[in-house]
Amino acid sequence: LTEHARVALIRRLDEIVMDQSELLRPGSRKDLDPSPLLILTE
């Protein structure tokens, strides 16, 4: 189900592109955790 996986990843990346606050570290208002982007890249 490669295309299913690919679509889910694209939609997740789009969510982050549109709202980078999704990368905020828990409890922080400005510190970003970029690790989800590295996981998406992989």
PDB file of all heavy atoms in Angstrom:
ATOM      1  N   LEU A   1       0.838  -1.199   0.000  1.00  0.00           N
ATOM      2  CA  LEU A   1       0.000   0.000   0.000  1.00  0.00           C
ATOM      3  C   LEU A   1       0.876   1.254   0.000  1.00  0.00           C
ATOM      4  O   LEU A   1       0.667   2.178   0.789  1.00  0.00           O
ATOM      5  CB  LEU A   1      -0.933  -0.016   1.213  1.00  0.00           C
ATOM      6  CG  LEU A   1      -1.883  -1.208   1.310  1.00  0.00           C
ATOM      7  CD1 LEU A   1      -2.615  -1.209   2.644  1.00  0.00           C
ATOM      8  CD2 LEU A   1      -2.862  -1.192   0.152  1.00  0.00           C
ATOM      9  N   THR A   2       1.829   1.290  -0.896  1.00  0.00           N
ATOM     10  CA  THR A   2       2.808   2.380  -0.936  1.00  0.00           C
ATOM     11  C   THR A   2       2.144   3.739  -1.110  1.00  0.00           C
ATOM     12  O   THR A   2       2.513   4.707  -0.458  1.00  0.00           O
ATOM     13  CB  THR A   2       3.823   2.135  -2.070  1.00  0.00           C
ATOM     14  OG1 THR A   2       4.422   0.859  -1.857  1.00  0.00           O
ATOM     15  CG2 THR A   2       4.891   3.205  -2.099  1.00  0.00           C
ATOM     16  N   GLU A   3       1.170   3.823  -1.998  1.00  0.00           N
ATOM     17  CA  GLU A   3       0.516   5.113  -2.226  1.00  0.00           C
ATOM     18  C   GLU A   3      -0.276   5.560  -1.002  1.00  0.00           C
ATOM     19  O   GLU A   3      -0.351   6.754  -0.716  1.00  0.00           O
ATOM     20  CB  GLU A   3      -0.379   5.071  -3.466  1.00  0.00           C
ATOM     21  CG  GLU A   3       0.412   5.099  -4.754  1.00  0.00           C
ATOM     22  CD  GLU A   3       1.331   6.322  -4.859  1.00  0.00           C
ATOM     23  OE1 GLU A   3       0.837   7.465  -4.786  1.00  0.00           O
ATOM     24  OE2 GLU A   3       2.548   6.129  -5.013  1.00  0.00           O
ATOM     25  N   HIS A   4      -0.846   4.626  -0.267  1.00  0.00           N
ATOM     26  CA  HIS A   4      -1.524   4.984   0.987  1.00  0.00           C
ATOM     27  C   HIS A   4      -0.518   5.627   1.941  1.00  0.00           C
ATOM     28  O   HIS A   4      -0.806   6.650   2.566  1.00  0.00           O
ATOM     29  CB  HIS A   4      -2.142   3.757   1.645  1.00  0.00           C
ATOM     30  CG  HIS A   4      -3.384   3.268   1.003  1.00  0.00           C
ATOM     31  ND1 HIS A   4      -3.384   2.569  -0.174  1.00  0.00           N
ATOM     32  CD2 HIS A   4      -4.675   3.390   1.365  1.00  0.00           C
ATOM     33  CE1 HIS A   4      -4.621   2.263  -0.502  1.00  0.00           C
ATOM     34  NE2 HIS A   4      -5.430   2.760   0.417  1.00  0.00           N
ATOM     35  N   ALA A   5       0.644   5.012   2.055  1.00  0.00           N
ATOM     36  CA  ALA A   5       1.686   5.537   2.937  1.00  0.00           C
ATOM     37  C   ALA A   5       2.153   6.906   2.459  1.00  0.00           C
ATOM     38  O   ALA A   5       2.296   7.847   3.251  1.00  0.00           O
ATOM     39  CB  ALA A   5       2.864   4.566   2.993  1.00  0.00           C
ATOM     40  N   ARG A   6       2.383   7.026   1.180  1.00  0.00           N
ATOM     41  CA  ARG A   6       2.878   8.271   0.604  1.00  0.00           C
ATOM     42  C   ARG A   6       1.889   9.414   0.818  1.00  0.00           C
ATOM     43  O   ARG A   6       2.268  10.522   1.210  1.00  0.00           O
ATOM     44  CB  ARG A   6       3.132   8.052  -0.889  1.00  0.00           C
ATOM     45  CG  ARG A   6       3.836   9.172  -1.556  1.00  0.00           C
ATOM     46  CD  ARG A   6       4.204   8.749  -3.000  1.00  0.00           C
ATOM     47  NE  ARG A   6       4.319   9.928  -3.788  1.00  0.00           N
ATOM     48  CZ  ARG A   6       3.347  10.511  -4.483  1.00  0.00           C
ATOM     49  NH1 ARG A   6       2.169   9.965  -4.530  1.00  0.00           N
ATOM     50  NH2 ARG A   6       3.552  11.618  -5.152  1.00  0.00           N
ATOM     51  N   VAL A   7       0.610   9.165   0.604  1.00  0.00           N
ATOM     52  CA  VAL A   7      -0.406  10.198   0.800  1.00  0.00           C
ATOM     53  C   VAL A   7      -0.457  10.638   2.260  1.00  0.00           C
ATOM     54  O   VAL A   7      -0.527  11.834   2.559  1.00  0.00           O
ATOM     55  CB  VAL A   7      -1.793   9.712   0.318  1.00  0.00           C
ATOM     56  CG1 VAL A   7      -2.904  10.620   0.808  1.00  0.00           C
ATOM     57  CG2 VAL A   7      -1.801   9.619  -1.197  1.00  0.00           C
ATOM     58  N   ALA A   8      -0.400   9.694   3.174  1.00  0.00           N
ATOM     59  CA  ALA A   8      -0.424  10.046   4.597  1.00  0.00           C
ATOM     60  C   ALA A   8       0.780  10.916   4.958  1.00  0.00           C
ATOM     61  O   ALA A   8       0.653  11.893   5.710  1.00  0.00           O
ATOM     62  CB  ALA A   8      -0.441   8.777   5.455  1.00  0.00           C
ATOM     63  N   LEU A   9       1.940  10.591   4.422  1.00  0.00           N
ATOM     64  CA  LEU A   9       3.144  11.382   4.696  1.00  0.00           C
ATOM     65  C   LEU A   9       3.056  12.774   4.071  1.00  0.00           C
ATOM     66  O   LEU A   9       3.445  13.768   4.695  1.00  0.00           O
ATOM     67  CB  LEU A   9       4.384  10.657   4.180  1.00  0.00           C
ATOM     68  CG  LEU A   9       4.758   9.378   4.917  1.00  0.00           C
ATOM     69  CD1 LEU A   9       5.844   8.626   4.153  1.00  0.00           C
ATOM     70  CD2 LEU A   9       5.222   9.693   6.336  1.00  0.00           C
ATOM     71  N   ILE A  10       2.545  12.860   2.854  1.00  0.00           N
ATOM     72  CA  ILE A  10       2.400  14.167   2.200  1.00  0.00           C
ATOM     73  C   ILE A  10       1.428  15.040   2.982  1.00  0.00           C
ATOM     74  O   ILE A  10       1.704  16.223   3.228  1.00  0.00           O
ATOM     75  CB  ILE A  10       1.943  14.003   0.733  1.00  0.00           C
ATOM     76  CG1 ILE A  10       3.066  13.399  -0.103  1.00  0.00           C
ATOM     77  CG2 ILE A  10       1.506  15.355   0.146  1.00  0.00           C
ATOM     78  CD1 ILE A  10       2.650  12.986  -1.511  1.00  0.00           C
ATOM     79  N   ARG A  11       0.318  14.463   3.382  1.00  0.00           N
ATOM     80  CA  ARG A  11      -0.657  15.236   4.168  1.00  0.00           C
ATOM     81  C   ARG A  11      -0.048  15.710   5.485  1.00  0.00           C
ATOM     82  O   ARG A  11      -0.281  16.830   5.926  1.00  0.00           O
ATOM     83  CB  ARG A  11      -1.916  14.411   4.424  1.00  0.00           C
ATOM     84  CG  ARG A  11      -2.742  14.152   3.184  1.00  0.00           C
ATOM     85  CD  ARG A  11      -3.592  15.328   2.831  1.00  0.00           C
ATOM     86  NE  ARG A  11      -4.428  15.049   1.674  1.00  0.00           N
ATOM     87  CZ  ARG A  11      -4.832  15.981   0.847  1.00  0.00           C
ATOM     88  NH1 ARG A  11      -4.483  17.233   1.034  1.00  0.00           N
ATOM     89  NH2 ARG A  11      -5.592  15.687  -0.184  1.00  0.00           N
ATOM     90  N   ARG A  12       0.754  14.859   6.118  1.00  0.00           N
ATOM     91  CA  ARG A  12       1.406  15.266   7.383  1.00  0.00           C
ATOM     92  C   ARG A  12       2.405  16.389   7.141  1.00  0.00           C
ATOM     93  O   ARG A  12       2.444  17.362   7.907  1.00  0.00           O
ATOM     94  CB  ARG A  12       2.101  14.058   8.020  1.00  0.00           C
ATOM     95  CG  ARG A  12       2.817  14.383   9.304  1.00  0.00           C
ATOM     96  CD  ARG A  12       1.834  14.817  10.390  1.00  0.00           C
ATOM     97  NE  ARG A  12       2.555  15.234  11.575  1.00  0.00           N
ATOM     98  CZ  ARG A  12       2.350  16.384  12.212  1.00  0.00           C
ATOM     99  NH1 ARG A  12       1.410  17.218  11.808  1.00  0.00           N
ATOM    100  NH2 ARG A  12       3.061  16.695  13.260  1.00  0.00           N
ATOM    101  N   LEU A  13       3.204  16.275   6.100  1.00  0.00           N
ATOM    102  CA  LEU A  13       4.157  17.332   5.785  1.00  0.00           C
ATOM    103  C   LEU A  13       3.423  18.632   5.475  1.00  0.00           C
ATOM    104  O   LEU A  13       3.825  19.707   5.935  1.00  0.00           O
ATOM    105  CB  LEU A  13       5.061  16.921   4.616  1.00  0.00           C
ATOM    106  CG  LEU A  13       6.078  17.952   4.151  1.00  0.00           C
ATOM    107  CD1 LEU A  13       7.000  18.396   5.280  1.00  0.00           C
ATOM    108  CD2 LEU A  13       6.892  17.384   2.990  1.00  0.00           C
ATOM    109  N   ASP A  14       2.345  18.555   4.733  1.00  0.00           N
ATOM    110  CA  ASP A  14       1.551  19.747   4.428  1.00  0.00           C
ATOM    111  C   ASP A  14       1.025  20.409   5.704  1.00  0.00           C
ATOM    112  O   ASP A  14       1.004  21.631   5.815  1.00  0.00           O
ATOM    113  CB  ASP A  14       0.382  19.412   3.510  1.00  0.00           C
ATOM    114  CG  ASP A  14       0.807  19.088   2.092  1.00  0.00           C
ATOM    115  OD1 ASP A  14       1.984  19.298   1.747  1.00  0.00           O
ATOM    116  OD2 ASP A  14      -0.054  18.621   1.319  1.00  0.00           O
ATOM    117  N   GLU A  15       0.587  19.587   6.663  1.00  0.00           N
ATOM    118  CA  GLU A  15       0.113  20.140   7.942  1.00  0.00           C
ATOM    119  C   GLU A  15       1.216  20.939   8.624  1.00  0.00           C
ATOM    120  O   GLU A  15       0.973  22.029   9.143  1.00  0.00           O
ATOM    121  CB  GLU A  15      -0.350  19.022   8.873  1.00  0.00           C
ATOM    122  CG  GLU A  15      -1.628  18.344   8.472  1.00  0.00           C
ATOM    123  CD  GLU A  15      -1.918  17.103   9.305  1.00  0.00           C
ATOM    124  OE1 GLU A  15      -1.169  16.820  10.271  1.00  0.00           O
ATOM    125  OE2 GLU A  15      -2.885  16.398   8.978  1.00  0.00           O
ATOM    126  N   ILE A  16       2.417  20.403   8.622  1.00  0.00           N
ATOM    127  CA  ILE A  16       3.542  21.082   9.263  1.00  0.00           C
ATOM    128  C   ILE A  16       3.922  22.348   8.503  1.00  0.00           C
ATOM    129  O   ILE A  16       4.201  23.383   9.108  1.00  0.00           O
ATOM    130  CB  ILE A  16       4.751  20.130   9.397  1.00  0.00           C
ATOM    131  CG1 ILE A  16       4.425  19.001  10.375  1.00  0.00           C
ATOM    132  CG2 ILE A  16       5.997  20.886   9.846  1.00  0.00           C
ATOM    133  CD1 ILE A  16       5.451  17.888  10.413  1.00  0.00           C
ATOM    134  N   VAL A  17       3.924  22.269   7.176  1.00  0.00           N
ATOM    135  CA  VAL A  17       4.252  23.454   6.371  1.00  0.00           C
ATOM    136  C   VAL A  17       3.262  24.578   6.665  1.00  0.00           C
ATOM    137  O   VAL A  17       3.650  25.735   6.820  1.00  0.00           O
ATOM    138  CB  VAL A  17       4.250  23.109   4.861  1.00  0.00           C
ATOM    139  CG1 VAL A  17       4.267  24.365   4.011  1.00  0.00           C
ATOM    140  CG2 VAL A  17       5.438  22.223   4.527  1.00  0.00           C
ATOM    141  N   MET A  18       1.991  24.251   6.770  1.00  0.00           N
ATOM    142  CA  MET A  18       0.957  25.261   6.987  1.00  0.00           C
ATOM    143  C   MET A  18       0.904  25.764   8.432  1.00  0.00           C
ATOM    144  O   MET A  18       0.461  26.870   8.689  1.00  0.00           O
ATOM    145  CB  MET A  18      -0.415  24.713   6.592  1.00  0.00           C
ATOM    146  CG  MET A  18      -0.517  24.361   5.114  1.00  0.00           C
ATOM    147  SD  MET A  18      -0.130  25.730   4.011  1.00  0.00           S
ATOM    148  CE  MET A  18      -1.539  26.772   4.307  1.00  0.00           C
ATOM    149  N   ASP A  19       1.362  24.946   9.371  1.00  0.00           N
ATOM    150  CA  ASP A  19       1.302  25.323  10.787  1.00  0.00           C
ATOM    151  C   ASP A  19       2.530  24.776  11.512  1.00  0.00           C
ATOM    152  O   ASP A  19       2.497  23.688  12.078  1.00  0.00           O
ATOM    153  CB  ASP A  19       0.023  24.785  11.420  1.00  0.00           C
ATOM    154  CG  ASP A  19      -0.141  25.222  12.864  1.00  0.00           C
ATOM    155  OD1 ASP A  19       0.655  26.055  13.359  1.00  0.00           O
ATOM    156  OD2 ASP A  19      -1.074  24.726  13.519  1.00  0.00           O
ATOM    157  N   GLN A  20       3.603  25.553  11.467  1.00  0.00           N
ATOM    158  CA  GLN A  20       4.853  25.091  12.079  1.00  0.00           C
ATOM    159  C   GLN A  20       4.779  25.029  13.598  1.00  0.00           C
ATOM    160  O   GLN A  20       5.656  24.455  14.237  1.00  0.00           O
ATOM    161  CB  GLN A  20       6.011  25.971  11.622  1.00  0.00           C
ATOM    162  CG  GLN A  20       6.298  25.782  10.156  1.00  0.00           C
ATOM    163  CD  GLN A  20       7.438  26.648   9.665  1.00  0.00           C
ATOM    164  OE1 GLN A  20       8.227  27.153  10.442  1.00  0.00           O
ATOM    165  NE2 GLN A  20       7.513  26.815   8.357  1.00  0.00           N
ATOM    166  N   SER A  21       3.697  25.550  14.182  1.00  0.00           N
ATOM    167  CA  SER A  21       3.539  25.420  15.626  1.00  0.00           C
ATOM    168  C   SER A  21       3.357  23.959  16.032  1.00  0.00           C
ATOM    169  O   SER A  21       3.520  23.613  17.201  1.00  0.00           O
ATOM    170  CB  SER A  21       2.372  26.267  16.134  1.00  0.00           C
ATOM    171  OG  SER A  21       1.141  25.724  15.702  1.00  0.00           O
ATOM    172  N   GLU A  22       3.049  23.100  15.056  1.00  0.00           N
ATOM    173  CA  GLU A  22       2.945  21.670  15.353  1.00  0.00           C
ATOM    174  C   GLU A  22       4.293  21.075  15.745  1.00  0.00           C
ATOM    175  O   GLU A  22       4.356  19.975  16.276  1.00  0.00           O
ATOM    176  CB  GLU A  22       2.363  20.924  14.158  1.00  0.00           C
ATOM    177  CG  GLU A  22       0.922  21.291  13.904  1.00  0.00           C
ATOM    178  CD  GLU A  22       0.217  20.297  13.033  1.00  0.00           C
ATOM    179  OE1 GLU A  22       0.635  19.135  12.987  1.00  0.00           O
ATOM    180  OE2 GLU A  22      -0.791  20.691  12.425  1.00  0.00           O
ATOM    181  N   LEU A  23       5.361  21.809  15.466  1.00  0.00           N
ATOM    182  CA  LEU A  23       6.703  21.350  15.822  1.00  0.00           C
ATOM    183  C   LEU A  23       7.159  21.865  17.189  1.00  0.00           C
ATOM    184  O   LEU A  23       8.276  21.573  17.602  1.00  0.00           O
ATOM    185  CB  LEU A  23       7.716  21.795  14.757  1.00  0.00           C
ATOM    186  CG  LEU A  23       7.530  21.210  13.364  1.00  0.00           C
ATOM    187  CD1 LEU A  23       8.526  21.838  12.401  1.00  0.00           C
ATOM    188  CD2 LEU A  23       7.681  19.705  13.390  1.00  0.00           C
ATOM    189  N   LEU A  24       6.308  22.642  17.850  1.00  0.00           N
ATOM    190  CA  LEU A  24       6.703  23.181  19.151  1.00  0.00           C
ATOM    191  C   LEU A  24       6.950  22.054  20.151  1.00  0.00           C
ATOM    192  O   LEU A  24       6.195  21.080  20.207  1.00  0.00           O
ATOM    193  CB  LEU A  24       5.627  24.115  19.699  1.00  0.00           C
ATOM    194  CG  LEU A  24       5.520  25.479  19.030  1.00  0.00           C
ATOM    195  CD1 LEU A  24       4.302  26.227  19.555  1.00  0.00           C
ATOM    196  CD2 LEU A  24       6.784  26.291  19.256  1.00  0.00           C
ATOM    197  N   ARG A  25       8.008  22.231  20.910  1.00  0.00           N
ATOM    198  CA  ARG A  25       8.277  21.274  21.996  1.00  0.00           C
ATOM    199  C   ARG A  25       7.168  21.404  23.034  1.00  0.00           C
ATOM    200  O   ARG A  25       6.644  22.489  23.252  1.00  0.00           O
ATOM    201  CB  ARG A  25       9.633  21.553  22.612  1.00  0.00           C
ATOM    202  CG  ARG A  25      10.778  21.309  21.666  1.00  0.00           C
ATOM    203  CD  ARG A  25      12.134  21.514  22.358  1.00  0.00           C
ATOM    204  NE  ARG A  25      13.203  21.490  21.385  1.00  0.00           N
ATOM    205  CZ  ARG A  25      13.731  20.394  20.861  1.00  0.00           C
ATOM    206  NH1 ARG A  25      13.293  19.218  21.246  1.00  0.00           N
ATOM    207  NH2 ARG A  25      14.708  20.459  19.976  1.00  0.00           N
ATOM    208  N   PRO A  26       6.805  20.319  23.688  1.00  0.00           N
ATOM    209  CA  PRO A  26       5.739  20.382  24.691  1.00  0.00           C
ATOM    210  C   PRO A  26       6.055  21.433  25.762  1.00  0.00           C
ATOM    211  O   PRO A  26       7.169  21.494  26.278  1.00  0.00           O
ATOM    212  CB  PRO A  26       5.726  18.979  25.296  1.00  0.00           C
ATOM    213  CG  PRO A  26       6.316  18.108  24.230  1.00  0.00           C
ATOM    214  CD  PRO A  26       7.322  18.968  23.517  1.00  0.00           C
ATOM    215  N   GLY A  27       5.078  22.283  26.028  1.00  0.00           N
ATOM    216  CA  GLY A  27       5.235  23.312  27.049  1.00  0.00           C
ATOM    217  C   GLY A  27       5.974  24.553  26.584  1.00  0.00           C
ATOM    218  O   GLY A  27       6.171  25.478  27.358  1.00  0.00           O
ATOM    219  N   SER A  28       6.391  24.600  25.353  1.00  0.00           N
ATOM    220  CA  SER A  28       7.141  25.743  24.839  1.00  0.00           C
ATOM    221  C   SER A  28       6.280  26.548  23.875  1.00  0.00           C
ATOM    222  O   SER A  28       5.411  26.011  23.198  1.00  0.00           O
ATOM    223  CB  SER A  28       8.411  25.281  24.123  1.00  0.00           C
ATOM    224  OG  SER A  28       9.066  26.390  23.547  1.00  0.00           O
ATOM    225  N   ARG A  29       6.585  27.840  23.809  1.00  0.00           N
ATOM    226  CA  ARG A  29       5.879  28.704  22.857  1.00  0.00           C
ATOM    227  C   ARG A  29       6.754  29.086  21.684  1.00  0.00           C
ATOM    228  O   ARG A  29       6.283  29.690  20.741  1.00  0.00           O
ATOM    229  CB  ARG A  29       5.398  29.961  23.551  1.00  0.00           C
ATOM    230  CG  ARG A  29       4.313  29.692  24.546  1.00  0.00           C
ATOM    231  CD  ARG A  29       3.812  30.965  25.128  1.00  0.00           C
ATOM    232  NE  ARG A  29       2.603  30.692  25.881  1.00  0.00           N
ATOM    233  CZ  ARG A  29       1.749  31.605  26.221  1.00  0.00           C
ATOM    234  NH1 ARG A  29       1.959  32.845  25.893  1.00  0.00           N
ATOM    235  NH2 ARG A  29       0.679  31.283  26.908  1.00  0.00           N
ATOM    236  N   LYS A  30       8.067  28.736  21.755  1.00  0.00           N
ATOM    237  CA  LYS A  30       8.937  29.129  20.652  1.00  0.00           C
ATOM    238  C   LYS A  30       9.992  28.098  20.261  1.00  0.00           C
ATOM    239  O   LYS A  30      10.498  28.142  19.158  1.00  0.00           O
ATOM    240  CB  LYS A  30       9.615  30.461  20.945  1.00  0.00           C
ATOM    241  CG  LYS A  30      10.554  30.421  22.129  1.00  0.00           C
ATOM    242  CD  LYS A  30      11.232  31.760  22.328  1.00  0.00           C
ATOM    243  CE  LYS A  30      12.248  31.635  23.445  1.00  0.00           C
ATOM    244  NZ  LYS A  30      13.067  32.807  23.568  1.00  0.00           N
ATOM    245  N   ASP A  31      10.295  27.149  21.132  1.00  0.00           N
ATOM    246  CA  ASP A  31      11.318  26.146  20.822  1.00  0.00           C
ATOM    247  C   ASP A  31      10.725  25.040  19.956  1.00  0.00           C
ATOM    248  O   ASP A  31       9.800  24.343  20.369  1.00  0.00           O
ATOM    249  CB  ASP A  31      11.910  25.534  22.095  1.00  0.00           C
ATOM    250  CG  ASP A  31      12.734  26.536  22.885  1.00  0.00           C
ATOM    251  OD1 ASP A  31      13.329  27.440  22.261  1.00  0.00           O
ATOM    252  OD2 ASP A  31      12.764  26.416  24.124  1.00  0.00           O
ATOM    253  N   LEU A  32      11.288  24.902  18.757  1.00  0.00           N
ATOM    254  CA  LEU A  32      10.794  23.901  17.815  1.00  0.00           C
ATOM    255  C   LEU A  32      11.579  22.603  17.912  1.00  0.00           C
ATOM    256  O   LEU A  32      12.782  22.603  18.155  1.00  0.00           O
ATOM    257  CB  LEU A  32      10.892  24.440  16.389  1.00  0.00           C
ATOM    258  CG  LEU A  32      10.087  25.698  16.083  1.00  0.00           C
ATOM    259  CD1 LEU A  32      10.356  26.155  14.659  1.00  0.00           C
ATOM    260  CD2 LEU A  32       8.605  25.456  16.291  1.00  0.00           C
ATOM    261  N   ASP A  33      10.888  21.502  17.699  1.00  0.00           N
ATOM    262  CA  ASP A  33      11.504  20.186  17.600  1.00  0.00           C
ATOM    263  C   ASP A  33      11.438  19.757  16.136  1.00  0.00           C
ATOM    264  O   ASP A  33      10.387  19.328  15.657  1.00  0.00           O
ATOM    265  CB  ASP A  33      10.762  19.186  18.476  1.00  0.00           C
ATOM    266  CG  ASP A  33      11.285  17.776  18.327  1.00  0.00           C
ATOM    267  OD1 ASP A  33      12.371  17.592  17.727  1.00  0.00           O
ATOM    268  OD2 ASP A  33      10.605  16.843  18.788  1.00  0.00           O
ATOM    269  N   PRO A  34      12.544  19.872  15.406  1.00  0.00           N
ATOM    270  CA  PRO A  34      12.521  19.558  13.977  1.00  0.00           C
ATOM    271  C   PRO A  34      12.581  18.071  13.654  1.00  0.00           C
ATOM    272  O   PRO A  34      12.500  17.694  12.495  1.00  0.00           O
ATOM    273  CB  PRO A  34      13.761  20.278  13.449  1.00  0.00           C
ATOM    274  CG  PRO A  34      14.705  20.259  14.608  1.00  0.00           C
ATOM    275  CD  PRO A  34      13.842  20.389  15.835  1.00  0.00           C
ATOM    276  N   SER A  35      12.687  17.208  14.647  1.00  0.00           N
ATOM    277  CA  SER A  35      12.858  15.780  14.381  1.00  0.00           C
ATOM    278  C   SER A  35      11.742  15.164  13.532  1.00  0.00           C
ATOM    279  O   SER A  35      12.027  14.267  12.733  1.00  0.00           O
ATOM    280  CB  SER A  35      13.060  14.997  15.684  1.00  0.00           C
ATOM    281  OG  SER A  35      11.916  15.080  16.503  1.00  0.00           O
ATOM    282  N   PRO A  36      10.484  15.600  13.648  1.00  0.00           N
ATOM    283  CA  PRO A  36       9.471  15.018  12.754  1.00  0.00           C
ATOM    284  C   PRO A  36       9.794  15.228  11.276  1.00  0.00           C
ATOM    285  O   PRO A  36       9.456  14.388  10.442  1.00  0.00           O
ATOM    286  CB  PRO A  36       8.182  15.741  13.149  1.00  0.00           C
ATOM    287  CG  PRO A  36       8.390  16.112  14.575  1.00  0.00           C
ATOM    288  CD  PRO A  36       9.850  16.454  14.667  1.00  0.00           C
ATOM    289  N   LEU A  37      10.455  16.319  10.955  1.00  0.00           N
ATOM    290  CA  LEU A  37      10.828  16.564   9.555  1.00  0.00           C
ATOM    291  C   LEU A  37      11.908  15.604   9.089  1.00  0.00           C
ATOM    292  O   LEU A  37      11.910  15.170   7.939  1.00  0.00           O
ATOM    293  CB  LEU A  37      11.280  18.015   9.368  1.00  0.00           C
ATOM    294  CG  LEU A  37      10.168  19.047   9.550  1.00  0.00           C
ATOM    295  CD1 LEU A  37      10.749  20.448   9.584  1.00  0.00           C
ATOM    296  CD2 LEU A  37       9.129  18.902   8.457  1.00  0.00           C
ATOM    297  N   LEU A  38      12.837  15.265   9.983  1.00  0.00           N
ATOM    298  CA  LEU A  38      13.865  14.279   9.623  1.00  0.00           C
ATOM    299  C   LEU A  38      13.239  12.905   9.413  1.00  0.00           C
ATOM    300  O   LEU A  38      13.618  12.175   8.491  1.00  0.00           O
ATOM    301  CB  LEU A  38      14.940  14.216  10.703  1.00  0.00           C
ATOM    302  CG  LEU A  38      15.804  15.463  10.848  1.00  0.00           C
ATOM    303  CD1 LEU A  38      16.775  15.307  12.017  1.00  0.00           C
ATOM    304  CD2 LEU A  38      16.545  15.754   9.564  1.00  0.00           C
ATOM    305  N   ILE A  39      12.274  12.568  10.254  1.00  0.00           N
ATOM    306  CA  ILE A  39      11.581  11.284  10.104  1.00  0.00           C
ATOM    307  C   ILE A  39      10.812  11.257   8.786  1.00  0.00           C
ATOM    308  O   ILE A  39      10.863  10.256   8.055  1.00  0.00           O
ATOM    309  CB  ILE A  39      10.648  11.034  11.309  1.00  0.00           C
ATOM    310  CG1 ILE A  39      11.483  10.826  12.575  1.00  0.00           C
ATOM    311  CG2 ILE A  39       9.723   9.841  11.046  1.00  0.00           C
ATOM    312  CD1 ILE A  39      10.683  10.857  13.856  1.00  0.00           C
ATOM    313  N   LEU A  40      10.128  12.352   8.466  1.00  0.00           N
ATOM    314  CA  LEU A  40       9.413  12.415   7.190  1.00  0.00           C
ATOM    315  C   LEU A  40      10.372  12.280   6.014  1.00  0.00           C
ATOM    316  O   LEU A  40      10.087  11.575   5.048  1.00  0.00           O
ATOM    317  CB  LEU A  40       8.629  13.729   7.074  1.00  0.00           C
ATOM    318  CG  LEU A  40       7.365  13.824   7.915  1.00  0.00           C
ATOM    319  CD1 LEU A  40       6.820  15.240   7.910  1.00  0.00           C
ATOM    320  CD2 LEU A  40       6.312  12.849   7.411  1.00  0.00           C
ATOM    321  N   THR A  41      11.517  12.955   6.104  1.00  0.00           N
ATOM    322  CA  THR A  41      12.526  12.851   5.041  1.00  0.00           C
ATOM    323  C   THR A  41      12.927  11.399   4.834  1.00  0.00           C
ATOM    324  O   THR A  41      12.957  10.907   3.704  1.00  0.00           O
ATOM    325  CB  THR A  41      13.760  13.707   5.381  1.00  0.00           C
ATOM    326  OG1 THR A  41      13.362  15.077   5.512  1.00  0.00           O
ATOM    327  CG2 THR A  41      14.825  13.584   4.321  1.00  0.00           C
ATOM    328  N   GLU A  42      13.226  10.706   5.926  1.00  0.00           N
ATOM    329  CA  GLU A  42      13.635   9.299   5.840  1.00  0.00           C
ATOM    330  C   GLU A  42      12.531   8.423   5.263  1.00  0.00           C
ATOM    331  O   GLU A  42      12.802   7.537   4.440  1.00  0.00           O
ATOM    332  CB  GLU A  42      14.031   8.793   7.229  1.00  0.00           C
ATOM    333  CG  GLU A  42      15.302   9.417   7.756  1.00  0.00           C
ATOM    334  CD  GLU A  42      15.547   9.074   9.219  1.00  0.00           C
ATOM    335  OE1 GLU A  42      14.753   8.310   9.818  1.00  0.00           O
ATOM    336  OE2 GLU A  42      16.543   9.582   9.768  1.00  0.00           O
TER     337      GLU A  42
END
